[in-house]
């Protein structure tokens, strides 16, 4: 079985594919990051991608019937937002590490 990694934090995402019966999957696929920074949903010809940066959720979507120009605009925007989300997480981690290093250690 293939497991996707979150494109923001590289954590293994929880995946779900809807199945009707033994015939196999019916074009529905969901993948969510347990850290809630990314989700991908495909159902009935519509794709939705959600990316969260510092509590702000950005949502992108397109249909199988959209033209190539619309699809390219959405995927280009997603790429830019993913880069910003990764940068924000790295920055937040550096700040958190610096804050922890500045705290005096408690004596035992």
PDB file of N, CA and C in Angstrom:
ATOM      1  N   UNK A   1       0.842  -1.183   0.000  1.00  0.00           N
ATOM      2  CA  UNK A   1       0.000   0.000   0.000  1.00  0.00           C
ATOM      3  C   UNK A   1       0.884   1.241   0.000  1.00  0.00           C
ATOM      4  N   UNK A   2       0.494   2.231  -0.772  1.00  0.00           N
ATOM      5  CA  UNK A   2       1.228   3.492  -0.891  1.00  0.00           C
ATOM      6  C   UNK A   2       0.691   4.504   0.119  1.00  0.00           C
ATOM      7  N   UNK A   3       1.591   5.119   0.857  1.00  0.00           N
ATOM      8  CA  UNK A   3       1.202   6.160   1.795  1.00  0.00           C
ATOM      9  C   UNK A   3       1.805   7.477   1.335  1.00  0.00           C
ATOM     10  N   UNK A   4       0.980   8.484   1.301  1.00  0.00           N
ATOM     11  CA  UNK A   4       1.443   9.802   0.906  1.00  0.00           C
ATOM     12  C   UNK A   4       2.026  10.534   2.110  1.00  0.00           C
ATOM     13  N   UNK A   5       3.017  11.386   1.847  1.00  0.00           N
ATOM     14  CA  UNK A   5       3.562  12.259   2.875  1.00  0.00           C
ATOM     15  C   UNK A   5       3.018  13.662   2.660  1.00  0.00           C
ATOM     16  N   UNK A   6       2.794  14.360   3.762  1.00  0.00           N
ATOM     17  CA  UNK A   6       2.331  15.736   3.693  1.00  0.00           C
ATOM     18  C   UNK A   6       3.397  16.580   2.996  1.00  0.00           C
ATOM     19  N   UNK A   7       3.022  17.365   1.987  1.00  0.00           N
ATOM     20  CA  UNK A   7       4.002  18.191   1.293  1.00  0.00           C
ATOM     21  C   UNK A   7       4.466  19.401   2.115  1.00  0.00           C
ATOM     22  N   UNK A   8       3.851  19.614   3.277  1.00  0.00           N
ATOM     23  CA  UNK A   8       4.272  20.717   4.147  1.00  0.00           C
ATOM     24  C   UNK A   8       5.246  20.210   5.206  1.00  0.00           C
ATOM     25  N   UNK A   9       4.839  19.181   5.965  1.00  0.00           N
ATOM     26  CA  UNK A   9       5.646  18.743   7.120  1.00  0.00           C
ATOM     27  C   UNK A   9       6.233  17.339   6.977  1.00  0.00           C
ATOM     28  N   UNK A  10       5.989  16.675   5.855  1.00  0.00           N
ATOM     29  CA  UNK A  10       6.519  15.330   5.564  1.00  0.00           C
ATOM     30  C   UNK A  10       6.022  14.238   6.497  1.00  0.00           C
ATOM     31  N   UNK A  11       4.925  14.465   7.184  1.00  0.00           N
ATOM     32  CA  UNK A  11       4.312  13.456   8.037  1.00  0.00           C
ATOM     33  C   UNK A  11       3.440  12.545   7.176  1.00  0.00           C
ATOM     34  N   UNK A  12       3.381  11.270   7.529  1.00  0.00           N
ATOM     35  CA  UNK A  12       2.524  10.348   6.787  1.00  0.00           C
ATOM     36  C   UNK A  12       1.070  10.772   6.960  1.00  0.00           C
ATOM     37  N   UNK A  13       0.381  10.913   5.839  1.00  0.00           N
ATOM     38  CA  UNK A  13      -0.999  11.360   5.889  1.00  0.00           C
ATOM     39  C   UNK A  13      -1.945  10.177   6.058  1.00  0.00           C
ATOM     40  N   UNK A  14      -3.105  10.471   6.603  1.00  0.00           N
ATOM     41  CA  UNK A  14      -4.171   9.477   6.707  1.00  0.00           C
ATOM     42  C   UNK A  14      -4.926   9.490   5.387  1.00  0.00           C
ATOM     43  N   UNK A  15      -5.074   8.312   4.785  1.00  0.00           N
ATOM     44  CA  UNK A  15      -5.724   8.221   3.490  1.00  0.00           C
ATOM     45  C   UNK A  15      -6.986   7.385   3.576  1.00  0.00           C
ATOM     46  N   UNK A  16      -7.912   7.736   2.713  1.00  0.00           N
ATOM     47  CA  UNK A  16      -9.172   7.019   2.652  1.00  0.00           C
ATOM     48  C   UNK A  16      -9.621   6.982   1.205  1.00  0.00           C
ATOM     49  N   UNK A  17      -9.937   5.799   0.725  1.00  0.00           N
ATOM     50  CA  UNK A  17     -10.486   5.624  -0.617  1.00  0.00           C
ATOM     51  C   UNK A  17     -11.819   4.923  -0.477  1.00  0.00           C
ATOM     52  N   UNK A  18     -12.827   5.497  -1.034  1.00  0.00           N
ATOM     53  CA  UNK A  18     -14.171   4.920  -0.958  1.00  0.00           C
ATOM     54  C   UNK A  18     -14.277   3.765  -1.938  1.00  0.00           C
ATOM     55  N   UNK A  19     -14.839   2.670  -1.485  1.00  0.00           N
ATOM     56  CA  UNK A  19     -15.063   1.534  -2.367  1.00  0.00           C
ATOM     57  C   UNK A  19     -16.529   1.137  -2.315  1.00  0.00           C
ATOM     58  N   UNK A  20     -17.020   0.679  -3.448  1.00  0.00           N
ATOM     59  CA  UNK A  20     -18.411   0.226  -3.510  1.00  0.00           C
ATOM     60  C   UNK A  20     -18.498  -1.225  -3.055  1.00  0.00           C
ATOM     61  N   UNK A  21     -17.678  -2.079  -3.644  1.00  0.00           N
ATOM     62  CA  UNK A  21     -17.655  -3.500  -3.306  1.00  0.00           C
ATOM     63  C   UNK A  21     -16.354  -4.082  -3.827  1.00  0.00           C
ATOM     64  N   UNK A  22     -16.327  -5.325  -4.089  1.00  0.00           N
ATOM     65  CA  UNK A  22     -15.099  -5.965  -4.559  1.00  0.00           C
ATOM     66  C   UNK A  22     -14.640  -5.456  -5.914  1.00  0.00           C
ATOM     67  N   UNK A  23     -15.465  -4.702  -6.588  1.00  0.00           N
ATOM     68  CA  UNK A  23     -15.111  -4.166  -7.905  1.00  0.00           C
ATOM     69  C   UNK A  23     -13.979  -3.143  -7.822  1.00  0.00           C
ATOM     70  N   UNK A  24     -13.739  -2.595  -6.655  1.00  0.00           N
ATOM     71  CA  UNK A  24     -12.637  -1.655  -6.514  1.00  0.00           C
ATOM     72  C   UNK A  24     -13.090  -0.251  -6.184  1.00  0.00           C
ATOM     73  N   UNK A  25     -12.127   0.668  -6.174  1.00  0.00           N
ATOM     74  CA  UNK A  25     -12.433   2.049  -5.771  1.00  0.00           C
ATOM     75  C   UNK A  25     -13.303   2.782  -6.781  1.00  0.00           C
ATOM     76  N   UNK A  26     -14.114   3.666  -6.273  1.00  0.00           N
ATOM     77  CA  UNK A  26     -14.929   4.520  -7.135  1.00  0.00           C
ATOM     78  C   UNK A  26     -14.393   5.941  -7.078  1.00  0.00           C
ATOM     79  N   UNK A  27     -13.474   6.313  -7.770  1.00  0.00           N
ATOM     80  CA  UNK A  27     -12.984   7.681  -7.934  1.00  0.00           C
ATOM     81  C   UNK A  27     -13.218   8.612  -6.755  1.00  0.00           C
ATOM     82  N   UNK A  28     -12.947   8.171  -5.544  1.00  0.00           N
ATOM     83  CA  UNK A  28     -12.954   9.049  -4.372  1.00  0.00           C
ATOM     84  C   UNK A  28     -11.693   8.775  -3.587  1.00  0.00           C
ATOM     85  N   UNK A  29     -10.949   9.831  -3.313  1.00  0.00           N
ATOM     86  CA  UNK A  29      -9.710   9.676  -2.561  1.00  0.00           C
ATOM     87  C   UNK A  29      -9.538  10.877  -1.645  1.00  0.00           C
ATOM     88  N   UNK A  30      -9.230  10.608  -0.388  1.00  0.00           N
ATOM     89  CA  UNK A  30      -9.025  11.656   0.601  1.00  0.00           C
ATOM     90  C   UNK A  30      -7.703  11.401   1.311  1.00  0.00           C
ATOM     91  N   UNK A  31      -6.929  12.447   1.536  1.00  0.00           N
ATOM     92  CA  UNK A  31      -5.678  12.346   2.284  1.00  0.00           C
ATOM     93  C   UNK A  31      -5.569  13.580   3.166  1.00  0.00           C
ATOM     94  N   UNK A  32      -5.384  13.362   4.467  1.00  0.00           N
ATOM     95  CA  UNK A  32      -5.266  14.483   5.396  1.00  0.00           C
ATOM     96  C   UNK A  32      -4.040  14.306   6.277  1.00  0.00           C
ATOM     97  N   UNK A  33      -3.376  15.402   6.550  1.00  0.00           N
ATOM     98  CA  UNK A  33      -2.222  15.404   7.438  1.00  0.00           C
ATOM     99  C   UNK A  33      -2.728  15.402   8.878  1.00  0.00           C
ATOM    100  N   UNK A  34      -2.179  14.530   9.735  1.00  0.00           N
ATOM    101  CA  UNK A  34      -2.613  14.532  11.131  1.00  0.00           C
ATOM    102  C   UNK A  34      -2.260  15.837  11.859  1.00  0.00           C
ATOM    103  N   UNK A  35      -1.318  16.596  11.308  1.00  0.00           N
ATOM    104  CA  UNK A  35      -0.949  17.891  11.899  1.00  0.00           C
ATOM    105  C   UNK A  35      -1.833  19.025  11.389  1.00  0.00           C
ATOM    106  N   UNK A  36      -2.786  18.688  10.542  1.00  0.00           N
ATOM    107  CA  UNK A  36      -3.786  19.618  10.015  1.00  0.00           C
ATOM    108  C   UNK A  36      -3.200  20.763   9.186  1.00  0.00           C
ATOM    109  N   UNK A  37      -2.072  20.495   8.521  1.00  0.00           N
ATOM    110  CA  UNK A  37      -1.507  21.553   7.685  1.00  0.00           C
ATOM    111  C   UNK A  37      -1.826  21.356   6.208  1.00  0.00           C
ATOM    112  N   UNK A  38      -2.400  20.184   5.826  1.00  0.00           N
ATOM    113  CA  UNK A  38      -2.671  19.922   4.419  1.00  0.00           C
ATOM    114  C   UNK A  38      -3.757  18.860   4.289  1.00  0.00           C
ATOM    115  N   UNK A  39      -4.616  19.035   3.277  1.00  0.00           N
ATOM    116  CA  UNK A  39      -5.553  17.971   2.933  1.00  0.00           C
ATOM    117  C   UNK A  39      -5.812  18.003   1.437  1.00  0.00           C
ATOM    118  N   UNK A  40      -6.100  16.816   0.907  1.00  0.00           N
ATOM    119  CA  UNK A  40      -6.382  16.632  -0.511  1.00  0.00           C
ATOM    120  C   UNK A  40      -7.636  15.791  -0.613  1.00  0.00           C
ATOM    121  N   UNK A  41      -8.565  16.219  -1.441  1.00  0.00           N
ATOM    122  CA  UNK A  41      -9.793  15.456  -1.644  1.00  0.00           C
ATOM    123  C   UNK A  41     -10.108  15.414  -3.133  1.00  0.00           C
ATOM    124  N   UNK A  42     -10.423  14.221  -3.613  1.00  0.00           N
ATOM    125  CA  UNK A  42     -10.894  14.065  -4.981  1.00  0.00           C
ATOM    126  C   UNK A  42     -12.164  13.237  -4.924  1.00  0.00           C
ATOM    127  N   UNK A  43     -13.241  13.786  -5.422  1.00  0.00           N
ATOM    128  CA  UNK A  43     -14.508  13.056  -5.444  1.00  0.00           C
ATOM    129  C   UNK A  43     -15.362  13.574  -6.588  1.00  0.00           C
ATOM    130  N   UNK A  44     -15.862  12.653  -7.355  1.00  0.00           N
ATOM    131  CA  UNK A  44     -16.812  12.950  -8.427  1.00  0.00           C
ATOM    132  C   UNK A  44     -16.311  14.033  -9.382  1.00  0.00           C
ATOM    133  N   UNK A  45     -15.022  13.963  -9.736  1.00  0.00           N
ATOM    134  CA  UNK A  45     -14.468  14.869 -10.725  1.00  0.00           C
ATOM    135  C   UNK A  45     -14.022  16.219 -10.194  1.00  0.00           C
ATOM    136  N   UNK A  46     -14.076  16.433  -8.884  1.00  0.00           N
ATOM    137  CA  UNK A  46     -13.661  17.714  -8.322  1.00  0.00           C
ATOM    138  C   UNK A  46     -12.527  17.494  -7.323  1.00  0.00           C
ATOM    139  N   UNK A  47     -11.488  18.289  -7.438  1.00  0.00           N
ATOM    140  CA  UNK A  47     -10.332  18.205  -6.546  1.00  0.00           C
ATOM    141  C   UNK A  47     -10.289  19.429  -5.648  1.00  0.00           C
ATOM    142  N   UNK A  48     -10.039  19.209  -4.368  1.00  0.00           N
ATOM    143  CA  UNK A  48      -9.889  20.289  -3.396  1.00  0.00           C
ATOM    144  C   UNK A  48      -8.590  20.075  -2.630  1.00  0.00           C
ATOM    145  N   UNK A  49      -7.800  21.125  -2.502  1.00  0.00           N
ATOM    146  CA  UNK A  49      -6.578  21.109  -1.713  1.00  0.00           C
ATOM    147  C   UNK A  49      -6.691  22.224  -0.690  1.00  0.00           C
ATOM    148  N   UNK A  50      -6.417  21.884   0.572  1.00  0.00           N
ATOM    149  CA  UNK A  50      -6.424  22.892   1.631  1.00  0.00           C
ATOM    150  C   UNK A  50      -5.060  22.904   2.308  1.00  0.00           C
ATOM    151  N   UNK A  51      -4.533  24.099   2.520  1.00  0.00           N
ATOM    152  CA  UNK A  51      -3.235  24.286   3.160  1.00  0.00           C
ATOM    153  C   UNK A  51      -3.431  25.293   4.281  1.00  0.00           C
ATOM    154  N   UNK A  52      -2.908  24.967   5.449  1.00  0.00           N
ATOM    155  CA  UNK A  52      -3.045  25.860   6.596  1.00  0.00           C
ATOM    156  C   UNK A  52      -1.680  26.430   6.955  1.00  0.00           C
ATOM    157  N   UNK A  53      -1.626  27.761   7.047  1.00  0.00           N
ATOM    158  CA  UNK A  53      -0.409  28.457   7.453  1.00  0.00           C
ATOM    159  C   UNK A  53      -0.747  29.295   8.679  1.00  0.00           C
ATOM    160  N   UNK A  54      -0.142  28.952   9.813  1.00  0.00           N
ATOM    161  CA  UNK A  54      -0.330  29.704  11.064  1.00  0.00           C
ATOM    162  C   UNK A  54      -1.807  29.978  11.351  1.00  0.00           C
ATOM    163  N   UNK A  55      -2.621  28.958  11.206  1.00  0.00           N
ATOM    164  CA  UNK A  55      -4.035  29.060  11.530  1.00  0.00           C
ATOM    165  C   UNK A  55      -4.918  29.608  10.424  1.00  0.00           C
ATOM    166  N   UNK A  56      -4.334  29.979   9.300  1.00  0.00           N
ATOM    167  CA  UNK A  56      -5.097  30.504   8.170  1.00  0.00           C
ATOM    168  C   UNK A  56      -5.221  29.416   7.108  1.00  0.00           C
ATOM    169  N   UNK A  57      -6.448  29.067   6.759  1.00  0.00           N
ATOM    170  CA  UNK A  57      -6.697  27.999   5.808  1.00  0.00           C
ATOM    171  C   UNK A  57      -6.924  28.564   4.419  1.00  0.00           C
ATOM    172  N   UNK A  58      -6.145  28.078   3.475  1.00  0.00           N
ATOM    173  CA  UNK A  58      -6.313  28.473   2.075  1.00  0.00           C
ATOM    174  C   UNK A  58      -6.836  27.266   1.316  1.00  0.00           C
ATOM    175  N   UNK A  59      -7.836  27.483   0.490  1.00  0.00           N
ATOM    176  CA  UNK A  59      -8.486  26.386  -0.218  1.00  0.00           C
ATOM    177  C   UNK A  59      -8.410  26.610  -1.727  1.00  0.00           C
ATOM    178  N   UNK A  60      -8.064  25.552  -2.441  1.00  0.00           N
ATOM    179  CA  UNK A  60      -7.961  25.584  -3.892  1.00  0.00           C
ATOM    180  C   UNK A  60      -8.821  24.454  -4.444  1.00  0.00           C
ATOM    181  N   UNK A  61      -9.352  24.644  -5.632  1.00  0.00           N
ATOM    182  CA  UNK A  61     -10.164  23.578  -6.204  1.00  0.00           C
ATOM    183  C   UNK A  61     -10.342  23.735  -7.695  1.00  0.00           C
ATOM    184  N   UNK A  62     -10.565  22.592  -8.331  1.00  0.00           N
ATOM    185  CA  UNK A  62     -10.825  22.573  -9.751  1.00  0.00           C
ATOM    186  C   UNK A  62     -11.591  21.319 -10.123  1.00  0.00           C
ATOM    187  N   UNK A  63     -12.235  21.400 -11.271  1.00  0.00           N
ATOM    188  CA  UNK A  63     -13.048  20.298 -11.779  1.00  0.00           C
ATOM    189  C   UNK A  63     -12.352  19.670 -12.975  1.00  0.00           C
ATOM    190  N   UNK A  64     -12.684  18.428 -13.247  1.00  0.00           N
ATOM    191  CA  UNK A  64     -12.127  17.758 -14.422  1.00  0.00           C
ATOM    192  C   UNK A  64     -12.496  18.484 -15.709  1.00  0.00           C
ATOM    193  N   UNK A  65     -13.541  19.270 -15.668  1.00  0.00           N
ATOM    194  CA  UNK A  65     -13.985  19.978 -16.867  1.00  0.00           C
ATOM    195  C   UNK A  65     -13.336  21.358 -17.023  1.00  0.00           C
ATOM    196  N   UNK A  66     -12.537  21.796 -16.042  1.00  0.00           N
ATOM    197  CA  UNK A  66     -11.863  23.089 -16.167  1.00  0.00           C
ATOM    198  C   UNK A  66     -10.785  23.015 -17.246  1.00  0.00           C
ATOM    199  N   UNK A  67     -10.499  24.146 -17.865  1.00  0.00           N
ATOM    200  CA  UNK A  67      -9.485  24.158 -18.914  1.00  0.00           C
ATOM    201  C   UNK A  67      -8.077  24.112 -18.313  1.00  0.00           C
ATOM    202  N   UNK A  68      -7.098  23.874 -19.182  1.00  0.00           N
ATOM    203  CA  UNK A  68      -5.705  23.724 -18.737  1.00  0.00           C
ATOM    204  C   UNK A  68      -5.172  25.003 -18.091  1.00  0.00           C
ATOM    205  N   UNK A  69      -5.613  26.144 -18.568  1.00  0.00           N
ATOM    206  CA  UNK A  69      -5.157  27.425 -18.009  1.00  0.00           C
ATOM    207  C   UNK A  69      -5.617  27.565 -16.553  1.00  0.00           C
ATOM    208  N   UNK A  70      -6.845  27.193 -16.283  1.00  0.00           N
ATOM    209  CA  UNK A  70      -7.378  27.248 -14.912  1.00  0.00           C
ATOM    210  C   UNK A  70      -6.631  26.270 -14.015  1.00  0.00           C
ATOM    211  N   UNK A  71      -6.416  25.057 -14.507  1.00  0.00           N
ATOM    212  CA  UNK A  71      -5.689  24.056 -13.733  1.00  0.00           C
ATOM    213  C   UNK A  71      -4.270  24.515 -13.427  1.00  0.00           C
ATOM    214  N   UNK A  72      -3.590  25.083 -14.412  1.00  0.00           N
ATOM    215  CA  UNK A  72      -2.221  25.572 -14.201  1.00  0.00           C
ATOM    216  C   UNK A  72      -2.201  26.699 -13.176  1.00  0.00           C
ATOM    217  N   UNK A  73      -3.153  27.598 -13.234  1.00  0.00           N
ATOM    218  CA  UNK A  73      -3.221  28.695 -12.263  1.00  0.00           C
ATOM    219  C   UNK A  73      -3.390  28.147 -10.841  1.00  0.00           C
ATOM    220  N   UNK A  74      -4.258  27.155 -10.686  1.00  0.00           N
ATOM    221  CA  UNK A  74      -4.480  26.563  -9.361  1.00  0.00           C
ATOM    222  C   UNK A  74      -3.232  25.837  -8.856  1.00  0.00           C
ATOM    223  N   UNK A  75      -2.626  25.024  -9.701  1.00  0.00           N
ATOM    224  CA  UNK A  75      -1.457  24.258  -9.248  1.00  0.00           C
ATOM    225  C   UNK A  75      -0.250  25.171  -9.002  1.00  0.00           C
ATOM    226  N   UNK A  76      -0.099  26.233  -9.785  1.00  0.00           N
ATOM    227  CA  UNK A  76       0.973  27.207  -9.528  1.00  0.00           C
ATOM    228  C   UNK A  76       0.756  27.896  -8.185  1.00  0.00           C
ATOM    229  N   UNK A  77      -0.490  28.264  -7.901  1.00  0.00           N
ATOM    230  CA  UNK A  77      -0.805  28.898  -6.620  1.00  0.00           C
ATOM    231  C   UNK A  77      -0.546  27.929  -5.465  1.00  0.00           C
ATOM    232  N   UNK A  78      -0.921  26.665  -5.638  1.00  0.00           N
ATOM    233  CA  UNK A  78      -0.677  25.661  -4.597  1.00  0.00           C
ATOM    234  C   UNK A  78       0.818  25.524  -4.337  1.00  0.00           C
ATOM    235  N   UNK A  79       1.620  25.457  -5.391  1.00  0.00           N
ATOM    236  CA  UNK A  79       3.072  25.347  -5.227  1.00  0.00           C
ATOM    237  C   UNK A  79       3.636  26.523  -4.425  1.00  0.00           C
ATOM    238  N   UNK A  80       3.167  27.732  -4.720  1.00  0.00           N
ATOM    239  CA  UNK A  80       3.641  28.925  -4.003  1.00  0.00           C
ATOM    240  C   UNK A  80       3.222  28.890  -2.533  1.00  0.00           C
ATOM    241  N   UNK A  81       1.993  28.483  -2.268  1.00  0.00           N
ATOM    242  CA  UNK A  81       1.498  28.432  -0.891  1.00  0.00           C
ATOM    243  C   UNK A  81       2.190  27.311  -0.111  1.00  0.00           C
ATOM    244  N   UNK A  82       2.456  26.178  -0.752  1.00  0.00           N
ATOM    245  CA  UNK A  82       3.189  25.101  -0.075  1.00  0.00           C
ATOM    246  C   UNK A  82       4.577  25.576   0.345  1.00  0.00           C
ATOM    247  N   UNK A  83       5.249  26.305  -0.534  1.00  0.00           N
ATOM    248  CA  UNK A  83       6.573  26.840  -0.193  1.00  0.00           C
ATOM    249  C   UNK A  83       6.475  27.805   0.989  1.00  0.00           C
ATOM    250  N   UNK A  84       5.473  28.650   0.989  1.00  0.00           N
ATOM    251  CA  UNK A  84       5.275  29.594   2.104  1.00  0.00           C
ATOM    252  C   UNK A  84       4.965  28.837   3.398  1.00  0.00           C
ATOM    253  N   UNK A  85       4.172  27.778   3.317  1.00  0.00           N
ATOM    254  CA  UNK A  85       3.827  26.989   4.505  1.00  0.00           C
ATOM    255  C   UNK A  85       5.062  26.296   5.078  1.00  0.00           C
ATOM    256  N   UNK A  86       5.889  25.728   4.209  1.00  0.00           N
ATOM    257  CA  UNK A  86       7.127  25.078   4.679  1.00  0.00           C
ATOM    258  C   UNK A  86       8.048  26.099   5.328  1.00  0.00           C
ATOM    259  N   UNK A  87       8.151  27.274   4.715  1.00  0.00           N
ATOM    260  CA  UNK A  87       8.995  28.341   5.258  1.00  0.00           C
ATOM    261  C   UNK A  87       8.480  28.786   6.633  1.00  0.00           C
ATOM    262  N   UNK A  88       7.169  28.961   6.758  1.00  0.00           N
ATOM    263  CA  UNK A  88       6.576  29.383   8.031  1.00  0.00           C
ATOM    264  C   UNK A  88       6.812  28.338   9.118  1.00  0.00           C
ATOM    265  N   UNK A  89       6.672  27.052   8.780  1.00  0.00           N
ATOM    266  CA  UNK A  89       6.913  26.001   9.778  1.00  0.00           C
ATOM    267  C   UNK A  89       8.371  25.979  10.216  1.00  0.00           C
ATOM    268  N   UNK A  90       9.296  26.153   9.279  1.00  0.00           N
ATOM    269  CA  UNK A  90      10.720  26.182   9.626  1.00  0.00           C
ATOM    270  C   UNK A  90      11.027  27.383  10.515  1.00  0.00           C
ATOM    271  N   UNK A  91      10.463  28.523  10.170  1.00  0.00           N
ATOM    272  CA  UNK A  91      10.659  29.735  10.959  1.00  0.00           C
ATOM    273  C   UNK A  91      10.082  29.570  12.370  1.00  0.00           C
ATOM    274  N   UNK A  92       8.882  29.009  12.464  1.00  0.00           N
ATOM    275  CA  UNK A  92       8.257  28.777  13.771  1.00  0.00           C
ATOM    276  C   UNK A  92       9.080  27.826  14.622  1.00  0.00           C
ATOM    277  N   UNK A  93       9.672  26.824  14.003  1.00  0.00           N
ATOM    278  CA  UNK A  93      10.504  25.863  14.720  1.00  0.00           C
ATOM    279  C   UNK A  93      11.765  26.532  15.268  1.00  0.00           C
ATOM    280  N   UNK A  94      12.376  27.397  14.476  1.00  0.00           N
ATOM    281  CA  UNK A  94      13.578  28.120  14.918  1.00  0.00           C
ATOM    282  C   UNK A  94      13.237  29.028  16.092  1.00  0.00           C
ATOM    283  N   UNK A  95      12.122  29.725  16.003  1.00  0.00           N
ATOM    284  CA  UNK A  95      11.697  30.620  17.094  1.00  0.00           C
ATOM    285  C   UNK A  95      11.408  29.822  18.352  1.00  0.00           C
ATOM    286  N   UNK A  96      10.722  28.694  18.219  1.00  0.00           N
ATOM    287  CA  UNK A  96      10.402  27.850  19.369  1.00  0.00           C
ATOM    288  C   UNK A  96      11.678  27.311  20.011  1.00  0.00           C
ATOM    289  N   UNK A  97      12.643  26.878  19.207  1.00  0.00           N
ATOM    290  CA  UNK A  97      13.909  26.378  19.741  1.00  0.00           C
ATOM    291  C   UNK A  97      14.665  27.479  20.477  1.00  0.00           C
ATOM    292  N   UNK A  98      14.654  28.690  19.933  1.00  0.00           N
ATOM    293  CA  UNK A  98      15.334  29.821  20.579  1.00  0.00           C
ATOM    294  C   UNK A  98      14.663  30.173  21.899  1.00  0.00           C
ATOM    295  N   UNK A  99      13.332  30.143  21.940  1.00  0.00           N
ATOM    296  CA  UNK A  99      12.604  30.428  23.178  1.00  0.00           C
ATOM    297  C   UNK A  99      12.928  29.399  24.248  1.00  0.00           C
ATOM    298  N   UNK A 100      13.001  28.138  23.858  1.00  0.00           N
ATOM    299  CA  UNK A 100      13.313  27.081  24.825  1.00  0.00           C
ATOM    300  C   UNK A 100      14.739  27.201  25.342  1.00  0.00           C
ATOM    301  N   UNK A 101      15.673  27.606  24.492  1.00  0.00           N
ATOM    302  CA  UNK A 101      17.053  27.753  24.901  1.00  0.00           C
ATOM    303  C   UNK A 101      17.245  28.916  25.852  1.00  0.00           C
ATOM    304  N   UNK A 102      16.404  29.944  25.772  1.00  0.00           N
ATOM    305  CA  UNK A 102      16.522  31.113  26.629  1.00  0.00           C
ATOM    306  C   UNK A 102      15.922  30.915  28.006  1.00  0.00           C
ATOM    307  N   UNK A 103      15.044  29.940  28.155  1.00  0.00           N
ATOM    308  CA  UNK A 103      14.422  29.686  29.451  1.00  0.00           C
ATOM    309  C   UNK A 103      15.440  29.095  30.413  1.00  0.00           C
ATOM    310  N   UNK A 104      15.505  29.610  31.629  1.00  0.00           N
ATOM    311  CA  UNK A 104      16.435  29.016  32.590  1.00  0.00           C
ATOM    312  C   UNK A 104      15.955  27.617  32.975  1.00  0.00           C
ATOM    313  N   UNK A 105      16.899  26.722  33.090  1.00  0.00           N
ATOM    314  CA  UNK A 105      16.544  25.364  33.474  1.00  0.00           C
ATOM    315  C   UNK A 105      16.226  25.333  34.954  1.00  0.00           C
ATOM    316  N   UNK A 106      15.196  24.601  35.285  1.00  0.00           N
ATOM    317  CA  UNK A 106      14.769  24.493  36.685  1.00  0.00           C
ATOM    318  C   UNK A 106      15.738  23.588  37.443  1.00  0.00           C
ATOM    319  N   UNK A 107      16.044  23.993  38.656  1.00  0.00           N
ATOM    320  CA  UNK A 107      16.919  23.139  39.470  1.00  0.00           C
ATOM    321  C   UNK A 107      16.092  22.009  40.047  1.00  0.00           C
ATOM    322  N   UNK A 108      16.758  20.907  40.286  1.00  0.00           N
ATOM    323  CA  UNK A 108      16.043  19.730  40.781  1.00  0.00           C
ATOM    324  C   UNK A 108      16.082  19.666  42.248  1.00  0.00           C
TER     325      UNK A 108
END
